[in-house]
Amino acid sequence: MSHKTSKESTEEVTSGASANGYTDISELKDSYDVVIVGAGGAGMTAALQAKDAGMNPVILEKMPIAGEIRSNHLL
């Protein structure tokens, strides 16, 4: 079963992270209050809540497009 979105299947989808590029490792800080692995919905929520609580979070994501939406074949 194949579903198509309003975008052409040949058009590349990018997120803010992939459009802006990743932070160079030399620009990372020496310490963070919270390290979050994965930039999906839960990771983003955790980062926002940590920031709201006055902490300094960092998100580590292995994929160029953040979140589980990149692999959902139904979209």
N, C-alpha and C. Protein backbone atom coordinates (compact mmCIF):
# COMPACT_ATOMS: atom_id res chain seq x y z
N MET A 1 0.84 -1.17 0.00
CA MET A 1 0.00 0.00 0.00
C MET A 1 0.89 1.24 0.00
N SER A 2 0.64 2.15 -0.91
CA SER A 2 1.47 3.33 -1.02
C SER A 2 0.63 4.58 -0.84
N HIS A 3 1.10 5.47 0.00
CA HIS A 3 0.43 6.74 0.21
C HIS A 3 1.35 7.85 -0.23
N LYS A 4 0.79 8.88 -0.80
CA LYS A 4 1.59 10.02 -1.23
C LYS A 4 1.17 11.25 -0.46
N THR A 5 2.10 12.12 -0.26
CA THR A 5 1.80 13.40 0.38
C THR A 5 1.57 14.43 -0.71
N SER A 6 1.30 15.63 -0.30
CA SER A 6 1.10 16.70 -1.27
C SER A 6 2.40 17.07 -1.97
N LYS A 7 3.53 16.68 -1.40
CA LYS A 7 4.83 16.93 -2.02
C LYS A 7 5.15 15.81 -2.99
N GLU A 8 5.87 16.14 -4.02
CA GLU A 8 6.32 15.11 -4.96
C GLU A 8 7.27 14.17 -4.24
N SER A 9 7.24 12.91 -4.59
CA SER A 9 8.09 11.94 -3.92
C SER A 9 9.58 12.18 -4.18
N THR A 10 9.91 12.92 -5.23
CA THR A 10 11.31 13.19 -5.52
C THR A 10 11.83 14.41 -4.77
N GLU A 11 10.93 15.19 -4.16
CA GLU A 11 11.35 16.38 -3.43
C GLU A 11 11.95 15.98 -2.09
N GLU A 12 13.10 16.53 -1.78
CA GLU A 12 13.77 16.21 -0.52
C GLU A 12 13.10 16.96 0.63
N VAL A 13 12.85 16.25 1.70
CA VAL A 13 12.26 16.85 2.89
C VAL A 13 13.38 17.16 3.87
N THR A 14 13.35 18.36 4.42
CA THR A 14 14.38 18.73 5.38
C THR A 14 13.74 19.24 6.66
N SER A 15 14.47 19.15 7.73
CA SER A 15 14.03 19.73 9.00
C SER A 15 14.89 20.95 9.26
N GLY A 16 14.58 21.65 10.33
CA GLY A 16 15.41 22.79 10.70
C GLY A 16 16.85 22.39 10.91
N ALA A 17 17.05 21.23 11.52
CA ALA A 17 18.41 20.77 11.80
C ALA A 17 19.17 20.50 10.51
N SER A 18 18.53 19.83 9.56
CA SER A 18 19.25 19.49 8.34
C SER A 18 19.41 20.70 7.43
N ALA A 19 18.47 21.63 7.48
CA ALA A 19 18.59 22.83 6.66
C ALA A 19 19.70 23.74 7.19
N ASN A 20 19.84 23.80 8.49
CA ASN A 20 20.85 24.66 9.11
C ASN A 20 22.18 23.96 9.32
N GLY A 21 22.20 22.67 9.23
CA GLY A 21 23.41 21.90 9.49
C GLY A 21 23.57 21.65 10.98
N TYR A 22 24.43 20.73 11.29
CA TYR A 22 24.68 20.39 12.69
C TYR A 22 25.70 21.33 13.27
N THR A 23 25.66 21.47 14.59
CA THR A 23 26.65 22.28 15.30
C THR A 23 28.00 21.60 15.19
N ASP A 24 29.01 22.36 14.84
CA ASP A 24 30.36 21.83 14.77
C ASP A 24 30.78 21.39 16.17
N ILE A 25 31.46 20.27 16.27
CA ILE A 25 31.83 19.72 17.57
C ILE A 25 32.69 20.70 18.38
N SER A 26 33.43 21.55 17.70
CA SER A 26 34.26 22.52 18.42
C SER A 26 33.43 23.61 19.09
N GLU A 27 32.17 23.75 18.68
CA GLU A 27 31.29 24.76 19.25
C GLU A 27 30.46 24.24 20.42
N LEU A 28 30.52 22.94 20.69
CA LEU A 28 29.77 22.37 21.80
C LEU A 28 30.38 22.83 23.12
N LYS A 29 29.54 22.95 24.11
CA LYS A 29 30.00 23.37 25.43
C LYS A 29 30.67 22.20 26.14
N ASP A 30 31.39 22.52 27.20
CA ASP A 30 32.08 21.48 27.97
C ASP A 30 31.14 20.66 28.83
N SER A 31 30.01 21.25 29.22
CA SER A 31 29.08 20.49 30.06
C SER A 31 27.64 20.92 29.80
N TYR A 32 26.75 20.00 30.04
CA TYR A 32 25.31 20.21 29.91
C TYR A 32 24.64 19.64 31.14
N ASP A 33 23.49 20.18 31.47
CA ASP A 33 22.73 19.67 32.61
C ASP A 33 21.99 18.38 32.25
N VAL A 34 21.55 18.30 31.01
CA VAL A 34 20.77 17.15 30.54
C VAL A 34 21.24 16.77 29.15
N VAL A 35 21.49 15.48 28.93
CA VAL A 35 21.82 14.97 27.61
C VAL A 35 20.64 14.12 27.15
N ILE A 36 20.05 14.48 26.01
CA ILE A 36 18.87 13.80 25.48
C ILE A 36 19.29 13.08 24.20
N VAL A 37 19.01 11.79 24.15
CA VAL A 37 19.35 10.99 22.98
C VAL A 37 18.08 10.79 22.16
N GLY A 38 18.07 11.37 20.97
CA GLY A 38 16.93 11.25 20.07
C GLY A 38 16.13 12.54 20.01
N ALA A 39 15.88 13.00 18.80
CA ALA A 39 15.17 14.27 18.60
C ALA A 39 13.74 14.05 18.14
N GLY A 40 13.15 12.94 18.57
CA GLY A 40 11.74 12.70 18.27
C GLY A 40 10.86 13.54 19.19
N GLY A 41 9.59 13.25 19.20
CA GLY A 41 8.65 14.00 20.02
C GLY A 41 9.02 14.01 21.49
N ALA A 42 9.38 12.85 22.03
CA ALA A 42 9.74 12.76 23.45
C ALA A 42 11.03 13.52 23.74
N GLY A 43 12.01 13.42 22.86
CA GLY A 43 13.27 14.13 23.06
C GLY A 43 13.09 15.63 23.01
N MET A 44 12.31 16.10 22.05
CA MET A 44 12.06 17.54 21.94
C MET A 44 11.29 18.05 23.16
N THR A 45 10.30 17.27 23.60
CA THR A 45 9.53 17.65 24.78
C THR A 45 10.43 17.72 26.01
N ALA A 46 11.30 16.73 26.17
CA ALA A 46 12.23 16.72 27.30
C ALA A 46 13.15 17.94 27.26
N ALA A 47 13.63 18.29 26.08
CA ALA A 47 14.52 19.45 25.95
C ALA A 47 13.79 20.74 26.30
N LEU A 48 12.56 20.89 25.84
CA LEU A 48 11.79 22.09 26.14
C LEU A 48 11.50 22.21 27.63
N GLN A 49 11.14 21.09 28.24
CA GLN A 49 10.86 21.11 29.68
C GLN A 49 12.12 21.40 30.48
N ALA A 50 13.24 20.84 30.07
CA ALA A 50 14.51 21.11 30.75
C ALA A 50 14.87 22.58 30.63
N LYS A 51 14.72 23.13 29.45
CA LYS A 51 15.03 24.55 29.24
C LYS A 51 14.11 25.43 30.07
N ASP A 52 12.81 25.10 30.11
CA ASP A 52 11.85 25.86 30.92
C ASP A 52 12.20 25.80 32.41
N ALA A 53 12.83 24.70 32.83
CA ALA A 53 13.23 24.53 34.23
C ALA A 53 14.58 25.19 34.53
N GLY A 54 15.15 25.88 33.54
CA GLY A 54 16.41 26.59 33.75
C GLY A 54 17.64 25.75 33.50
N MET A 55 17.48 24.58 32.94
CA MET A 55 18.63 23.71 32.65
C MET A 55 19.18 23.98 31.26
N ASN A 56 20.35 23.44 31.00
CA ASN A 56 21.02 23.58 29.71
C ASN A 56 21.05 22.20 29.04
N PRO A 57 20.05 21.89 28.18
CA PRO A 57 20.01 20.56 27.55
C PRO A 57 20.77 20.53 26.23
N VAL A 58 21.17 19.33 25.85
CA VAL A 58 21.71 19.09 24.52
C VAL A 58 21.00 17.85 23.97
N ILE A 59 20.66 17.89 22.68
CA ILE A 59 20.00 16.76 22.02
C ILE A 59 20.99 16.12 21.06
N LEU A 60 21.14 14.81 21.14
CA LEU A 60 21.98 14.06 20.21
C LEU A 60 21.05 13.27 19.29
N GLU A 61 21.20 13.46 17.99
CA GLU A 61 20.36 12.79 17.00
C GLU A 61 21.24 12.25 15.90
N LYS A 62 21.05 10.99 15.54
CA LYS A 62 21.91 10.38 14.52
C LYS A 62 21.43 10.63 13.09
N MET A 63 20.17 10.97 12.93
CA MET A 63 19.62 11.14 11.59
C MET A 63 19.61 12.62 11.18
N PRO A 64 19.66 12.90 9.87
CA PRO A 64 19.64 14.30 9.42
C PRO A 64 18.27 14.95 9.57
N ILE A 65 17.22 14.13 9.67
CA ILE A 65 15.86 14.64 9.88
C ILE A 65 15.40 14.15 11.23
N ALA A 66 15.06 15.07 12.09
CA ALA A 66 14.69 14.71 13.46
C ALA A 66 13.33 14.04 13.53
N GLY A 67 13.21 13.11 14.45
CA GLY A 67 11.92 12.51 14.77
C GLY A 67 11.57 11.29 13.96
N GLU A 68 10.57 10.58 14.43
CA GLU A 68 10.12 9.34 13.80
C GLU A 68 9.37 9.58 12.50
N ILE A 69 8.98 10.80 12.23
CA ILE A 69 8.21 11.12 11.03
C ILE A 69 8.98 10.77 9.76
N ARG A 70 10.30 10.75 9.84
CA ARG A 70 11.12 10.47 8.66
C ARG A 70 10.95 9.05 8.15
N SER A 71 10.54 8.13 9.03
CA SER A 71 10.46 6.74 8.61
C SER A 71 9.03 6.22 8.49
N ASN A 72 8.08 7.11 8.62
CA ASN A 72 6.68 6.68 8.56
C ASN A 72 6.24 6.56 7.11
N HIS A 73 6.04 5.35 6.65
CA HIS A 73 5.68 5.12 5.25
C HIS A 73 4.24 5.52 4.94
N LEU A 74 3.46 5.84 5.95
CA LEU A 74 2.07 6.23 5.73
C LEU A 74 1.89 7.70 5.39
N LEU A 75 2.95 8.47 5.51
CA LEU A 75 2.85 9.90 5.24
C LEU A 75 3.28 10.24 3.85
